[in-house]
Full PDB file with SEQRES, HELIX, SHEET, SSBOND, CRYST1, ORIGX, SCALE, CONECT and MASTER records, all heavy atoms in Angstrom:
SEQRES   1 A   34  ILE GLU VAL ARG VAL GLU GLY LEU ILE ILE PRO ARG GLY          
SEQRES   2 A   34  ASP ASN THR ASN PRO VAL PRO ARG LEU SER ALA THR LEU          
SEQRES   3 A   34  VAL CYS ASN GLY LYS LEU ALA ALA                              
CRYST1    1.000    1.000    1.000  90.00  90.00  90.00 P 1           1          
ORIGX1      1.000000  0.000000  0.000000        0.00000                         
ORIGX2      0.000000  1.000000  0.000000        0.00000                         
ORIGX3      0.000000  0.000000  1.000000        0.00000                         
SCALE1      1.000000  0.000000  0.000000        0.00000                         
SCALE2      0.000000  1.000000  0.000000        0.00000                         
SCALE3      0.000000  0.000000  1.000000        0.00000                         
ATOM      1  N   ILE A   1      24.319  10.450  -3.253  1.00  0.00           N  
ATOM      2  CA  ILE A   1      22.990  10.387  -2.567  1.00  0.00           C  
ATOM      3  C   ILE A   1      22.019  11.284  -3.286  1.00  0.00           C  
ATOM      4  O   ILE A   1      22.413  12.329  -3.812  1.00  0.00           O  
ATOM      5  CB  ILE A   1      23.106  10.859  -1.095  1.00  0.00           C  
ATOM      6  CG1 ILE A   1      21.729  10.684  -0.356  1.00  0.00           C  
ATOM      7  CG2 ILE A   1      23.609  12.281  -0.947  1.00  0.00           C  
ATOM      8  CD1 ILE A   1      21.823  10.937   1.159  1.00  0.00           C  
ATOM      9  N   GLU A   2      20.913  10.724  -3.533  1.00  0.00           N  
ATOM     10  CA  GLU A   2      19.784  11.473  -4.197  1.00  0.00           C  
ATOM     11  C   GLU A   2      18.494  11.242  -3.409  1.00  0.00           C  
ATOM     12  O   GLU A   2      18.100  10.155  -3.085  1.00  0.00           O  
ATOM     13  CB  GLU A   2      19.582  10.905  -5.695  1.00  0.00           C  
ATOM     14  CG  GLU A   2      18.648  11.754  -6.476  1.00  0.00           C  
ATOM     15  CD  GLU A   2      18.556  11.402  -7.901  1.00  0.00           C  
ATOM     16  OE1 GLU A   2      19.463  10.748  -8.430  1.00  0.00           O  
ATOM     17  OE2 GLU A   2      17.549  11.725  -8.483  1.00  0.00           O  
ATOM     18  N   VAL A   3      17.922  12.395  -3.034  1.00  0.00           N  
ATOM     19  CA  VAL A   3      16.686  12.365  -2.265  1.00  0.00           C  
ATOM     20  C   VAL A   3      15.670  13.217  -3.054  1.00  0.00           C  
ATOM     21  O   VAL A   3      16.053  14.337  -3.493  1.00  0.00           O  
ATOM     22  CB  VAL A   3      16.858  12.884  -0.830  1.00  0.00           C  
ATOM     23  CG1 VAL A   3      15.556  12.990  -0.089  1.00  0.00           C  
ATOM     24  CG2 VAL A   3      17.817  12.118  -0.117  1.00  0.00           C  
ATOM     25  N   ARG A   4      14.442  12.746  -3.142  1.00  0.00           N  
ATOM     26  CA  ARG A   4      13.347  13.528  -3.774  1.00  0.00           C  
ATOM     27  C   ARG A   4      12.208  13.459  -2.847  1.00  0.00           C  
ATOM     28  O   ARG A   4      11.792  12.393  -2.404  1.00  0.00           O  
ATOM     29  CB  ARG A   4      12.917  12.966  -5.082  1.00  0.00           C  
ATOM     30  CG  ARG A   4      13.931  13.117  -6.171  1.00  0.00           C  
ATOM     31  CD  ARG A   4      13.407  12.576  -7.499  1.00  0.00           C  
ATOM     32  NE  ARG A   4      14.326  12.722  -8.483  1.00  0.00           N  
ATOM     33  CZ  ARG A   4      14.113  12.669  -9.760  1.00  0.00           C  
ATOM     34  NH1 ARG A   4      12.902  12.494 -10.213  1.00  0.00           N  
ATOM     35  NH2 ARG A   4      15.088  12.817 -10.720  1.00  0.00           N  
ATOM     36  N   VAL A   5      11.606  14.610  -2.490  1.00  0.00           N  
ATOM     37  CA  VAL A   5      10.380  14.652  -1.715  1.00  0.00           C  
ATOM     38  C   VAL A   5       9.428  15.632  -2.444  1.00  0.00           C  
ATOM     39  O   VAL A   5       9.714  16.624  -3.022  1.00  0.00           O  
ATOM     40  CB  VAL A   5      10.665  15.130  -0.221  1.00  0.00           C  
ATOM     41  CG1 VAL A   5      11.459  14.167   0.492  1.00  0.00           C  
ATOM     42  CG2 VAL A   5      11.275  16.470  -0.208  1.00  0.00           C  
ATOM     43  N   GLU A   6       8.143  15.162  -2.365  1.00  0.00           N  
ATOM     44  CA  GLU A   6       7.039  15.933  -2.858  1.00  0.00           C  
ATOM     45  C   GLU A   6       5.938  15.956  -1.775  1.00  0.00           C  
ATOM     46  O   GLU A   6       5.528  14.990  -1.329  1.00  0.00           O  
ATOM     47  CB  GLU A   6       6.495  15.279  -4.148  1.00  0.00           C  
ATOM     48  CG  GLU A   6       7.413  15.358  -5.396  1.00  0.00           C  
ATOM     49  CD  GLU A   6       6.860  14.729  -6.565  1.00  0.00           C  
ATOM     50  OE1 GLU A   6       5.626  14.538  -6.637  1.00  0.00           O  
ATOM     51  OE2 GLU A   6       7.632  14.302  -7.420  1.00  0.00           O  
ATOM     52  N   GLY A   7       5.632  17.165  -1.453  1.00  0.00           N  
ATOM     53  CA  GLY A   7       4.470  17.377  -0.521  1.00  0.00           C  
ATOM     54  C   GLY A   7       4.810  16.917   0.926  1.00  0.00           C  
ATOM     55  O   GLY A   7       3.964  16.439   1.631  1.00  0.00           O  
ATOM     56  N   LEU A   8       6.024  17.204   1.366  1.00  0.00           N  
ATOM     57  CA  LEU A   8       6.397  16.996   2.805  1.00  0.00           C  
ATOM     58  C   LEU A   8       6.002  18.279   3.577  1.00  0.00           C  
ATOM     59  O   LEU A   8       6.671  19.263   3.468  1.00  0.00           O  
ATOM     60  CB  LEU A   8       7.867  16.694   2.887  1.00  0.00           C  
ATOM     61  CG  LEU A   8       8.416  16.419   4.310  1.00  0.00           C  
ATOM     62  CD1 LEU A   8       7.651  15.175   4.901  1.00  0.00           C  
ATOM     63  CD2 LEU A   8       9.872  16.194   4.333  1.00  0.00           C  
ATOM     64  N   ILE A   9       4.885  18.144   4.324  1.00  0.00           N  
ATOM     65  CA  ILE A   9       4.352  19.364   4.948  1.00  0.00           C  
ATOM     66  C   ILE A   9       3.839  18.978   6.318  1.00  0.00           C  
ATOM     67  O   ILE A   9       3.634  17.803   6.675  1.00  0.00           O  
ATOM     68  CB  ILE A   9       3.181  19.904   4.136  1.00  0.00           C  
ATOM     69  CG1 ILE A   9       2.043  18.807   3.952  1.00  0.00           C  
ATOM     70  CG2 ILE A   9       3.571  20.515   2.804  1.00  0.00           C  
ATOM     71  CD1 ILE A   9       0.705  19.372   3.434  1.00  0.00           C  
ATOM     72  N   ILE A  10       3.484  20.023   7.067  1.00  0.00           N  
ATOM     73  CA  ILE A  10       2.773  19.900   8.364  1.00  0.00           C  
ATOM     74  C   ILE A  10       1.356  20.010   8.056  1.00  0.00           C  
ATOM     75  O   ILE A  10       0.872  21.098   7.499  1.00  0.00           O  
ATOM     76  CB  ILE A  10       3.276  20.894   9.405  1.00  0.00           C  
ATOM     77  CG1 ILE A  10       4.777  20.837   9.645  1.00  0.00           C  
ATOM     78  CG2 ILE A  10       2.403  20.807  10.711  1.00  0.00           C  
ATOM     79  CD1 ILE A  10       5.287  21.883  10.576  1.00  0.00           C  
ATOM     80  N   PRO A  11       0.497  19.016   8.278  1.00  0.00           N  
ATOM     81  CA  PRO A  11      -0.922  19.101   7.882  1.00  0.00           C  
ATOM     82  C   PRO A  11      -1.754  19.959   8.967  1.00  0.00           C  
ATOM     83  O   PRO A  11      -2.391  19.373   9.836  1.00  0.00           O  
ATOM     84  CB  PRO A  11      -1.357  17.632   7.996  1.00  0.00           C  
ATOM     85  CG  PRO A  11      -0.456  17.024   8.994  1.00  0.00           C  
ATOM     86  CD  PRO A  11       0.828  17.732   8.802  1.00  0.00           C  
ATOM     87  N   ARG A  12      -1.600  21.273   8.864  1.00  0.00           N  
ATOM     88  CA  ARG A  12      -2.402  22.067   9.703  1.00  0.00           C  
ATOM     89  C   ARG A  12      -2.604  23.405   9.029  1.00  0.00           C  
ATOM     90  O   ARG A  12      -1.871  23.829   8.024  1.00  0.00           O  
ATOM     91  CB  ARG A  12      -1.720  22.392  10.988  1.00  0.00           C  
ATOM     92  CG  ARG A  12      -0.367  23.092  10.748  1.00  0.00           C  
ATOM     93  CD  ARG A  12       0.278  23.602  11.943  1.00  0.00           C  
ATOM     94  NE  ARG A  12       1.501  24.360  11.428  1.00  0.00           N  
ATOM     95  CZ  ARG A  12       2.400  24.797  12.089  1.00  0.00           C  
ATOM     96  NH1 ARG A  12       2.393  24.718  13.445  1.00  0.00           N  
ATOM     97  NH2 ARG A  12       3.396  25.390  11.534  1.00  0.00           N  
ATOM     98  N   GLY A  13      -3.652  24.179   9.304  1.00  0.00           N  
ATOM     99  CA  GLY A  13      -3.904  25.476   8.784  1.00  0.00           C  
ATOM    100  C   GLY A  13      -3.828  25.515   7.191  1.00  0.00           C  
ATOM    101  O   GLY A  13      -4.664  25.004   6.545  1.00  0.00           O  
ATOM    102  N   ASP A  14      -2.706  26.047   6.682  1.00  0.00           N  
ATOM    103  CA  ASP A  14      -2.655  26.228   5.330  1.00  0.00           C  
ATOM    104  C   ASP A  14      -1.894  25.025   4.551  1.00  0.00           C  
ATOM    105  O   ASP A  14      -1.620  25.076   3.419  1.00  0.00           O  
ATOM    106  CB  ASP A  14      -1.900  27.515   4.956  1.00  0.00           C  
ATOM    107  CG  ASP A  14      -0.524  27.625   5.515  1.00  0.00           C  
ATOM    108  OD1 ASP A  14      -0.098  26.636   6.226  1.00  0.00           O  
ATOM    109  OD2 ASP A  14       0.187  28.602   5.261  1.00  0.00           O  
ATOM    110  N   ASN A  15      -1.554  23.976   5.422  1.00  0.00           N  
ATOM    111  CA  ASN A  15      -0.944  22.802   4.801  1.00  0.00           C  
ATOM    112  C   ASN A  15       0.381  23.138   4.026  1.00  0.00           C  
ATOM    113  O   ASN A  15       0.458  22.677   2.880  1.00  0.00           O  
ATOM    114  CB  ASN A  15      -1.903  21.960   3.995  1.00  0.00           C  
ATOM    115  CG  ASN A  15      -2.910  21.251   4.814  1.00  0.00           C  
ATOM    116  OD1 ASN A  15      -2.628  20.917   5.986  1.00  0.00           O  
ATOM    117  ND2 ASN A  15      -4.066  21.085   4.300  1.00  0.00           N  
ATOM    118  N   THR A  16       1.250  23.909   4.601  1.00  0.00           N  
ATOM    119  CA  THR A  16       2.439  24.196   3.913  1.00  0.00           C  
ATOM    120  C   THR A  16       3.719  23.814   4.742  1.00  0.00           C  
ATOM    121  O   THR A  16       3.560  23.407   5.881  1.00  0.00           O  
ATOM    122  CB  THR A  16       2.517  25.716   3.591  1.00  0.00           C  
ATOM    123  OG1 THR A  16       2.508  26.454   4.837  1.00  0.00           O  
ATOM    124  CG2 THR A  16       1.432  26.182   2.692  1.00  0.00           C  
ATOM    125  N   ASN A  17       4.802  23.937   4.134  1.00  0.00           N  
ATOM    126  CA  ASN A  17       6.028  23.637   4.731  1.00  0.00           C  
ATOM    127  C   ASN A  17       6.674  24.998   5.243  1.00  0.00           C  
ATOM    128  O   ASN A  17       6.945  25.849   4.520  1.00  0.00           O  
ATOM    129  CB  ASN A  17       7.042  22.990   3.744  1.00  0.00           C  
ATOM    130  CG  ASN A  17       8.430  23.117   4.108  1.00  0.00           C  
ATOM    131  OD1 ASN A  17       8.793  23.034   5.288  1.00  0.00           O  
ATOM    132  ND2 ASN A  17       9.286  23.419   3.241  1.00  0.00           N  
ATOM    133  N   PRO A  18       6.862  25.098   6.591  1.00  0.00           N  
ATOM    134  CA  PRO A  18       7.454  26.296   7.100  1.00  0.00           C  
ATOM    135  C   PRO A  18       8.964  26.338   7.069  1.00  0.00           C  
ATOM    136  O   PRO A  18       9.597  27.331   7.476  1.00  0.00           O  
ATOM    137  CB  PRO A  18       6.974  26.349   8.518  1.00  0.00           C  
ATOM    138  CG  PRO A  18       6.898  24.832   8.871  1.00  0.00           C  
ATOM    139  CD  PRO A  18       6.481  24.152   7.596  1.00  0.00           C  
ATOM    140  N   VAL A  19       9.676  25.316   6.666  1.00  0.00           N  
ATOM    141  CA  VAL A  19      11.110  25.188   6.663  1.00  0.00           C  
ATOM    142  C   VAL A  19      11.688  25.569   5.341  1.00  0.00           C  
ATOM    143  O   VAL A  19      11.366  24.985   4.333  1.00  0.00           O  
ATOM    144  CB  VAL A  19      11.514  23.719   7.075  1.00  0.00           C  
ATOM    145  CG1 VAL A  19      13.025  23.595   7.088  1.00  0.00           C  
ATOM    146  CG2 VAL A  19      10.932  23.344   8.411  1.00  0.00           C  
ATOM    147  N   PRO A  20      12.605  26.547   5.260  1.00  0.00           N  
ATOM    148  CA  PRO A  20      13.119  26.961   3.970  1.00  0.00           C  
ATOM    149  C   PRO A  20      14.224  26.073   3.351  1.00  0.00           C  
ATOM    150  O   PRO A  20      14.416  26.121   2.181  1.00  0.00           O  
ATOM    151  CB  PRO A  20      13.679  28.342   4.281  1.00  0.00           C  
ATOM    152  CG  PRO A  20      14.000  28.352   5.710  1.00  0.00           C  
ATOM    153  CD  PRO A  20      13.056  27.417   6.322  1.00  0.00           C  
ATOM    154  N   ARG A  21      14.890  25.191   4.164  1.00  0.00           N  
ATOM    155  CA  ARG A  21      16.074  24.562   3.658  1.00  0.00           C  
ATOM    156  C   ARG A  21      15.916  23.094   4.198  1.00  0.00           C  
ATOM    157  O   ARG A  21      15.435  22.845   5.268  1.00  0.00           O  
ATOM    158  CB  ARG A  21      17.383  25.135   3.906  1.00  0.00           C  
ATOM    159  CG  ARG A  21      17.346  26.546   3.360  1.00  0.00           C  
ATOM    160  CD  ARG A  21      18.688  27.163   3.049  1.00  0.00           C  
ATOM    161  NE  ARG A  21      19.624  26.400   2.320  1.00  0.00           N  
ATOM    162  CZ  ARG A  21      19.785  26.582   0.917  1.00  0.00           C  
ATOM    163  NH1 ARG A  21      18.877  27.250   0.254  1.00  0.00           N  
ATOM    164  NH2 ARG A  21      20.734  25.893   0.304  1.00  0.00           N  
ATOM    165  N   LEU A  22      16.570  22.098   3.496  1.00  0.00           N  
ATOM    166  CA  LEU A  22      16.556  20.691   3.854  1.00  0.00           C  
ATOM    167  C   LEU A  22      17.810  20.145   3.555  1.00  0.00           C  
ATOM    168  O   LEU A  22      18.477  20.374   2.567  1.00  0.00           O  
ATOM    169  CB  LEU A  22      15.361  19.991   3.004  1.00  0.00           C  
ATOM    170  CG  LEU A  22      15.019  18.577   3.401  1.00  0.00           C  
ATOM    171  CD1 LEU A  22      14.421  18.448   4.812  1.00  0.00           C  
ATOM    172  CD2 LEU A  22      14.191  17.949   2.319  1.00  0.00           C  
ATOM    173  N   SER A  23      18.305  19.178   4.400  1.00  0.00           N  
ATOM    174  CA  SER A  23      19.463  18.365   4.178  1.00  0.00           C  
ATOM    175  C   SER A  23      19.076  16.900   4.507  1.00  0.00           C  
ATOM    176  O   SER A  23      18.024  16.580   4.966  1.00  0.00           O  
ATOM    177  CB  SER A  23      20.632  18.809   4.983  1.00  0.00           C  
ATOM    178  OG  SER A  23      20.410  18.583   6.355  1.00  0.00           O  
ATOM    179  N   ALA A  24      20.032  16.020   4.157  1.00  0.00           N  
ATOM    180  CA  ALA A  24      19.803  14.510   4.369  1.00  0.00           C  
ATOM    181  C   ALA A  24      21.054  14.072   5.084  1.00  0.00           C  
ATOM    182  O   ALA A  24      22.181  14.442   4.730  1.00  0.00           O  
ATOM    183  CB  ALA A  24      19.489  13.811   3.105  1.00  0.00           C  
ATOM    184  N   THR A  25      20.858  13.119   6.014  1.00  0.00           N  
ATOM    185  CA  THR A  25      21.984  12.545   6.757  1.00  0.00           C  
ATOM    186  C   THR A  25      21.870  10.991   6.614  1.00  0.00           C  
ATOM    187  O   THR A  25      20.803  10.433   6.893  1.00  0.00           O  
ATOM    188  CB  THR A  25      21.941  12.907   8.267  1.00  0.00           C  
ATOM    189  OG1 THR A  25      22.040  14.294   8.403  1.00  0.00           O  
ATOM    190  CG2 THR A  25      23.001  12.230   9.004  1.00  0.00           C  
ATOM    191  N   LEU A  26      23.015  10.404   6.184  1.00  0.00           N  
ATOM    192  CA  LEU A  26      23.087   8.946   6.106  1.00  0.00           C  
ATOM    193  C   LEU A  26      23.518   8.424   7.545  1.00  0.00           C  
ATOM    194  O   LEU A  26      24.448   9.058   8.070  1.00  0.00           O  
ATOM    195  CB  LEU A  26      24.118   8.498   5.098  1.00  0.00           C  
ATOM    196  CG  LEU A  26      24.452   7.035   5.103  1.00  0.00           C  
ATOM    197  CD1 LEU A  26      23.263   6.158   4.701  1.00  0.00           C  
ATOM    198  CD2 LEU A  26      25.630   6.751   4.140  1.00  0.00           C  
ATOM    199  N   VAL A  27      22.813   7.543   8.102  1.00  0.00           N  
ATOM    200  CA  VAL A  27      23.144   6.914   9.402  1.00  0.00           C  
ATOM    201  C   VAL A  27      23.450   5.469   9.147  1.00  0.00           C  
ATOM    202  O   VAL A  27      22.650   4.718   8.442  1.00  0.00           O  
ATOM    203  CB  VAL A  27      21.931   7.075  10.361  1.00  0.00           C  
ATOM    204  CG1 VAL A  27      22.313   6.396  11.752  1.00  0.00           C  
ATOM    205  CG2 VAL A  27      21.549   8.468  10.545  1.00  0.00           C  
ATOM    206  N   CYS A  28      24.565   5.042   9.660  1.00  0.00           N  
ATOM    207  CA  CYS A  28      24.966   3.684   9.586  1.00  0.00           C  
ATOM    208  C   CYS A  28      25.304   3.115  10.909  1.00  0.00           C  
ATOM    209  O   CYS A  28      25.662   3.866  11.812  1.00  0.00           O  
ATOM    210  CB  CYS A  28      26.325   3.595   8.699  1.00  0.00           C  
ATOM    211  SG  CYS A  28      26.104   4.048   6.989  1.00  0.00           S  
ATOM    212  N   ASN A  29      25.233   1.864  11.044  1.00  0.00           N  
ATOM    213  CA  ASN A  29      25.665   1.098  12.253  1.00  0.00           C  
ATOM    214  C   ASN A  29      24.922   1.545  13.542  1.00  0.00           C  
ATOM    215  O   ASN A  29      25.495   1.460  14.648  1.00  0.00           O  
ATOM    216  CB  ASN A  29      27.196   1.229  12.432  1.00  0.00           C  
ATOM    217  CG  ASN A  29      27.963   0.802  11.216  1.00  0.00           C  
ATOM    218  OD1 ASN A  29      27.504  -0.154  10.437  1.00  0.00           O  
ATOM    219  ND2 ASN A  29      28.962   1.592  10.828  1.00  0.00           N  
ATOM    220  N   GLY A  30      23.710   2.109  13.389  1.00  0.00           N  
ATOM    221  CA  GLY A  30      22.935   2.408  14.539  1.00  0.00           C  
ATOM    222  C   GLY A  30      23.196   3.712  15.259  1.00  0.00           C  
ATOM    223  O   GLY A  30      22.680   3.919  16.362  1.00  0.00           O  
ATOM    224  N   LYS A  31      24.051   4.581  14.720  1.00  0.00           N  
ATOM    225  CA  LYS A  31      24.338   5.795  15.418  1.00  0.00           C  
ATOM    226  C   LYS A  31      24.659   6.904  14.443  1.00  0.00           C  
ATOM    227  O   LYS A  31      25.270   6.690  13.399  1.00  0.00           O  
ATOM    228  CB  LYS A  31      25.445   5.655  16.458  1.00  0.00           C  
ATOM    229  CG  LYS A  31      26.729   5.358  15.872  1.00  0.00           C  
ATOM    230  CD  LYS A  31      27.834   5.131  17.039  1.00  0.00           C  
ATOM    231  CE  LYS A  31      29.164   4.837  16.338  1.00  0.00           C  
ATOM    232  NZ  LYS A  31      30.211   4.796  17.354  1.00  0.00           N  
ATOM    233  N   LEU A  32      24.301   8.108  14.839  1.00  0.00           N  
ATOM    234  CA  LEU A  32      24.587   9.321  14.123  1.00  0.00           C  
ATOM    235  C   LEU A  32      26.073   9.623  14.162  1.00  0.00           C  
ATOM    236  O   LEU A  32      26.626   9.597  15.279  1.00  0.00           O  
ATOM    237  CB  LEU A  32      23.788  10.542  14.618  1.00  0.00           C  
ATOM    238  CG  LEU A  32      23.554  11.757  13.868  1.00  0.00           C  
ATOM    239  CD1 LEU A  32      22.830  11.453  12.557  1.00  0.00           C  
ATOM    240  CD2 LEU A  32      22.753  12.686  14.697  1.00  0.00           C  
ATOM    241  N   ALA A  33      26.723   9.862  13.062  1.00  0.00           N  
ATOM    242  CA  ALA A  33      28.193  10.121  13.052  1.00  0.00           C  
ATOM    243  C   ALA A  33      28.472  11.458  13.836  1.00  0.00           C  
ATOM    244  O   ALA A  33      27.641  12.390  13.791  1.00  0.00           O  
ATOM    245  CB  ALA A  33      28.691  10.197  11.650  1.00  0.00           C  
ATOM    246  N   ALA A  34      29.644  11.439  14.480  1.00  0.00           N  
ATOM    247  CA  ALA A  34      29.919  12.623  15.153  1.00  0.00           C  
ATOM    248  C   ALA A  34      30.310  13.903  14.290  1.00  0.00           C  
ATOM    249  O   ALA A  34      30.100  15.025  14.658  1.00  0.00           O  
ATOM    250  CB  ALA A  34      31.250  12.354  16.073  1.00  0.00           C  
TER     251      ALA A  34                                                      
MASTER        0    0    0    0    0    0    0    6  250    1    0    3          
END                                                                             
């Protein structure tokens, strides 16, 4: 899996991202795996 994001932010005040870490989840068949 390869994910690239540029400029994923909350558009308010200083327009920055307040979250220090990010992960990605693959969802198949209509439900989040247990």
